[in-house]
PDB file of N, CA and C in Angstrom:
ATOM      1  N   MET A   1       6.122   3.164  -3.125  1.00  0.00           N
ATOM      2  CA  MET A   1       6.442   4.271  -2.274  1.00  0.00           C
ATOM      3  C   MET A   1       7.063   3.686  -1.008  1.00  0.00           C
ATOM      4  N   THR A   2       8.112   4.312  -0.514  1.00  0.00           N
ATOM      5  CA  THR A   2       8.778   3.863   0.704  1.00  0.00           C
ATOM      6  C   THR A   2       8.778   4.999   1.723  1.00  0.00           C
ATOM      7  N   ASP A   3       8.279   4.709   2.924  1.00  0.00           N
ATOM      8  CA  ASP A   3       8.284   5.688   4.013  1.00  0.00           C
ATOM      9  C   ASP A   3       9.464   5.385   4.921  1.00  0.00           C
ATOM     10  N   LYS A   4      10.215   6.447   5.275  1.00  0.00           N
ATOM     11  CA  LYS A   4      11.368   6.300   6.164  1.00  0.00           C
ATOM     12  C   LYS A   4      11.281   7.316   7.293  1.00  0.00           C
ATOM     13  N   ALA A   5      11.856   6.935   8.438  1.00  0.00           N
ATOM     14  CA  ALA A   5      11.986   7.847   9.578  1.00  0.00           C
ATOM     15  C   ALA A   5      13.327   7.547  10.234  1.00  0.00           C
ATOM     16  N   GLY A   6      14.144   8.552  10.390  1.00  0.00           N
ATOM     17  CA  GLY A   6      15.458   8.362  10.990  1.00  0.00           C
ATOM     18  C   GLY A   6      16.351   7.443  10.185  1.00  0.00           C
ATOM     19  N   GLY A   7      16.132   7.402   8.873  1.00  0.00           N
ATOM     20  CA  GLY A   7      16.937   6.561   7.998  1.00  0.00           C
ATOM     21  C   GLY A   7      16.493   5.113   7.938  1.00  0.00           C
ATOM     22  N   LYS A   8      15.450   4.737   8.689  1.00  0.00           N
ATOM     23  CA  LYS A   8      14.952   3.362   8.689  1.00  0.00           C
ATOM     24  C   LYS A   8      13.637   3.292   7.919  1.00  0.00           C
ATOM     25  N   VAL A   9      13.451   2.200   7.202  1.00  0.00           N
ATOM     26  CA  VAL A   9      12.210   1.994   6.445  1.00  0.00           C
ATOM     27  C   VAL A   9      11.089   1.661   7.424  1.00  0.00           C
ATOM     28  N   ILE A  10      10.016   2.442   7.360  1.00  0.00           N
ATOM     29  CA  ILE A  10       8.838   2.209   8.193  1.00  0.00           C
ATOM     30  C   ILE A  10       7.875   1.276   7.471  1.00  0.00           C
ATOM     31  N   ASP A  11       7.627   1.553   6.199  1.00  0.00           N
ATOM     32  CA  ASP A  11       6.789   0.679   5.381  1.00  0.00           C
ATOM     33  C   ASP A  11       6.998   0.983   3.910  1.00  0.00           C
ATOM     34  N   THR A  12       6.533   0.055   3.082  1.00  0.00           N
ATOM     35  CA  THR A  12       6.516   0.275   1.641  1.00  0.00           C
ATOM     36  C   THR A  12       5.082   0.084   1.181  1.00  0.00           C
ATOM     37  N   ARG A  13       4.688   0.860   0.177  1.00  0.00           N
ATOM     38  CA  ARG A  13       3.313   0.820  -0.310  1.00  0.00           C
ATOM     39  C   ARG A  13       3.297   0.614  -1.811  1.00  0.00           C
ATOM     40  N   GLU A  14       2.427  -0.257  -2.244  1.00  0.00           N
ATOM     41  CA  GLU A  14       2.198  -0.476  -3.666  1.00  0.00           C
ATOM     42  C   GLU A  14       0.784  -0.002  -3.953  1.00  0.00           C
ATOM     43  N   ILE A  15       0.653   0.899  -4.912  1.00  0.00           N
ATOM     44  CA  ILE A  15      -0.643   1.480  -5.239  1.00  0.00           C
ATOM     45  C   ILE A  15      -1.001   1.106  -6.670  1.00  0.00           C
ATOM     46  N   THR A  16      -2.214   0.571  -6.855  1.00  0.00           N
ATOM     47  CA  THR A  16      -2.669   0.212  -8.194  1.00  0.00           C
ATOM     48  C   THR A  16      -4.075   0.748  -8.425  1.00  0.00           C
ATOM     49  N   LEU A  17      -4.372   0.997  -9.677  1.00  0.00           N
ATOM     50  CA  LEU A  17      -5.691   1.439 -10.106  1.00  0.00           C
ATOM     51  C   LEU A  17      -6.157   0.483 -11.185  1.00  0.00           C
ATOM     52  N   SER A  18      -7.380   0.008 -11.082  1.00  0.00           N
ATOM     53  CA  SER A  18      -7.901  -0.938 -12.062  1.00  0.00           C
ATOM     54  C   SER A  18      -8.019  -0.258 -13.425  1.00  0.00           C
ATOM     55  N   PRO A  19      -7.991  -1.047 -14.502  1.00  0.00           N
ATOM     56  CA  PRO A  19      -8.076  -0.464 -15.848  1.00  0.00           C
ATOM     57  C   PRO A  19      -9.323   0.400 -16.072  1.00  0.00           C
ATOM     58  N   ASP A  20     -10.433   0.056 -15.421  1.00  0.00           N
ATOM     59  CA  ASP A  20     -11.656   0.852 -15.608  1.00  0.00           C
ATOM     60  C   ASP A  20     -11.690   2.081 -14.694  1.00  0.00           C
ATOM     61  N   GLY A  21     -10.677   2.229 -13.826  1.00  0.00           N
ATOM     62  CA  GLY A  21     -10.586   3.399 -12.956  1.00  0.00           C
ATOM     63  C   GLY A  21     -11.529   3.391 -11.772  1.00  0.00           C
ATOM     64  N   LYS A  22     -12.175   2.254 -11.503  1.00  0.00           N
ATOM     65  CA  LYS A  22     -13.167   2.212 -10.433  1.00  0.00           C
ATOM     66  C   LYS A  22     -12.653   1.617  -9.116  1.00  0.00           C
ATOM     67  N   THR A  23     -11.514   0.926  -9.150  1.00  0.00           N
ATOM     68  CA  THR A  23     -10.996   0.299  -7.941  1.00  0.00           C
ATOM     69  C   THR A  23      -9.553   0.725  -7.713  1.00  0.00           C
ATOM     70  N   PHE A  24      -9.298   1.262  -6.532  1.00  0.00           N
ATOM     71  CA  PHE A  24      -7.977   1.724  -6.100  1.00  0.00           C
ATOM     72  C   PHE A  24      -7.537   0.773  -4.997  1.00  0.00           C
ATOM     73  N   THR A  25      -6.362   0.177  -5.137  1.00  0.00           N
ATOM     74  CA  THR A  25      -5.866  -0.777  -4.149  1.00  0.00           C
ATOM     75  C   THR A  25      -4.506  -0.318  -3.638  1.00  0.00           C
ATOM     76  N   MET A  26      -4.347  -0.315  -2.304  1.00  0.00           N
ATOM     77  CA  MET A  26      -3.067   0.030  -1.700  1.00  0.00           C
ATOM     78  C   MET A  26      -2.651  -1.139  -0.802  1.00  0.00           C
ATOM     79  N   THR A  27      -1.460  -1.676  -1.059  1.00  0.00           N
ATOM     80  CA  THR A  27      -0.901  -2.767  -0.271  1.00  0.00           C
ATOM     81  C   THR A  27       0.271  -2.209   0.531  1.00  0.00           C
ATOM     82  N   VAL A  28       0.192  -2.334   1.859  1.00  0.00           N
ATOM     83  CA  VAL A  28       1.208  -1.772   2.752  1.00  0.00           C
ATOM     84  C   VAL A  28       1.985  -2.916   3.399  1.00  0.00           C
ATOM     85  N   HIS A  29       3.298  -2.937   3.152  1.00  0.00           N
ATOM     86  CA  HIS A  29       4.190  -3.928   3.755  1.00  0.00           C
ATOM     87  C   HIS A  29       4.989  -3.241   4.854  1.00  0.00           C
ATOM     88  N   SER A  30       4.898  -3.797   6.082  1.00  0.00           N
ATOM     89  CA  SER A  30       5.632  -3.243   7.222  1.00  0.00           C
ATOM     90  C   SER A  30       6.683  -4.249   7.672  1.00  0.00           C
ATOM     91  N   PRO A  31       7.909  -3.784   7.964  1.00  0.00           N
ATOM     92  CA  PRO A  31       8.942  -4.707   8.453  1.00  0.00           C
ATOM     93  C   PRO A  31       8.476  -5.404   9.730  1.00  0.00           C
ATOM     94  N   GLY A  32       8.780  -6.691   9.836  1.00  0.00           N
ATOM     95  CA  GLY A  32       8.416  -7.442  11.023  1.00  0.00           C
ATOM     96  C   GLY A  32       7.029  -8.046  10.982  1.00  0.00           C
ATOM     97  N   ARG A  33       6.273  -7.778   9.940  1.00  0.00           N
ATOM     98  CA  ARG A  33       4.935  -8.350   9.797  1.00  0.00           C
ATOM     99  C   ARG A  33       4.947  -9.345   8.658  1.00  0.00           C
ATOM    100  N   ASN A  34       4.289 -10.472   8.854  1.00  0.00           N
ATOM    101  CA  ASN A  34       4.249 -11.517   7.825  1.00  0.00           C
ATOM    102  C   ASN A  34       3.272 -11.194   6.710  1.00  0.00           C
ATOM    103  N   GLN A  35       2.162 -10.587   7.039  1.00  0.00           N
ATOM    104  CA  GLN A  35       1.113 -10.292   6.070  1.00  0.00           C
ATOM    105  C   GLN A  35       1.007  -8.790   5.837  1.00  0.00           C
ATOM    106  N   PRO A  36       0.803  -8.374   4.587  1.00  0.00           N
ATOM    107  CA  PRO A  36       0.611  -6.946   4.325  1.00  0.00           C
ATOM    108  C   PRO A  36      -0.817  -6.515   4.660  1.00  0.00           C
ATOM    109  N   ASP A  37      -1.005  -5.221   4.852  1.00  0.00           N
ATOM    110  CA  ASP A  37      -2.349  -4.645   4.961  1.00  0.00           C
ATOM    111  C   ASP A  37      -2.785  -4.297   3.549  1.00  0.00           C
ATOM    112  N   VAL A  38      -3.993  -4.695   3.178  1.00  0.00           N
ATOM    113  CA  VAL A  38      -4.513  -4.416   1.843  1.00  0.00           C
ATOM    114  C   VAL A  38      -5.771  -3.575   2.002  1.00  0.00           C
ATOM    115  N   LEU A  39      -5.745  -2.372   1.407  1.00  0.00           N
ATOM    116  CA  LEU A  39      -6.895  -1.480   1.452  1.00  0.00           C
ATOM    117  C   LEU A  39      -7.451  -1.373   0.047  1.00  0.00           C
ATOM    118  N   VAL A  40      -8.761  -1.559  -0.103  1.00  0.00           N
ATOM    119  CA  VAL A  40      -9.412  -1.508  -1.406  1.00  0.00           C
ATOM    120  C   VAL A  40     -10.516  -0.460  -1.342  1.00  0.00           C
ATOM    121  N   PHE A  41     -10.493   0.459  -2.302  1.00  0.00           N
ATOM    122  CA  PHE A  41     -11.490   1.524  -2.389  1.00  0.00           C
ATOM    123  C   PHE A  41     -12.201   1.409  -3.724  1.00  0.00           C
ATOM    124  N   ASN A  42     -13.548   1.449  -3.690  1.00  0.00           N
ATOM    125  CA  ASN A  42     -14.346   1.362  -4.914  1.00  0.00           C
ATOM    126  C   ASN A  42     -15.060   2.672  -5.164  1.00  0.00           C
ATOM    127  N   ARG A  43     -14.993   3.137  -6.391  1.00  0.00           N
ATOM    128  CA  ARG A  43     -15.697   4.358  -6.786  1.00  0.00           C
ATOM    129  C   ARG A  43     -17.138   3.987  -7.113  1.00  0.00           C
ATOM    130  N   GLN A  44     -18.050   4.814  -6.652  1.00  0.00           N
ATOM    131  CA  GLN A  44     -19.468   4.547  -6.918  1.00  0.00           C
ATOM    132  C   GLN A  44     -19.980   5.438  -8.001  1.00  0.00           C
TER     133      GLN A  44
END
């Protein structure tokens, strides 16, 4: 997924779901940053 504002890319997001459906991971890449933000959500 790519977010844009005013025609410029704000960030890109990669979303994955584990095969068992219990872990959702979103990796956010922002221009100008060396490391992405990684968010991990676990279903209980």
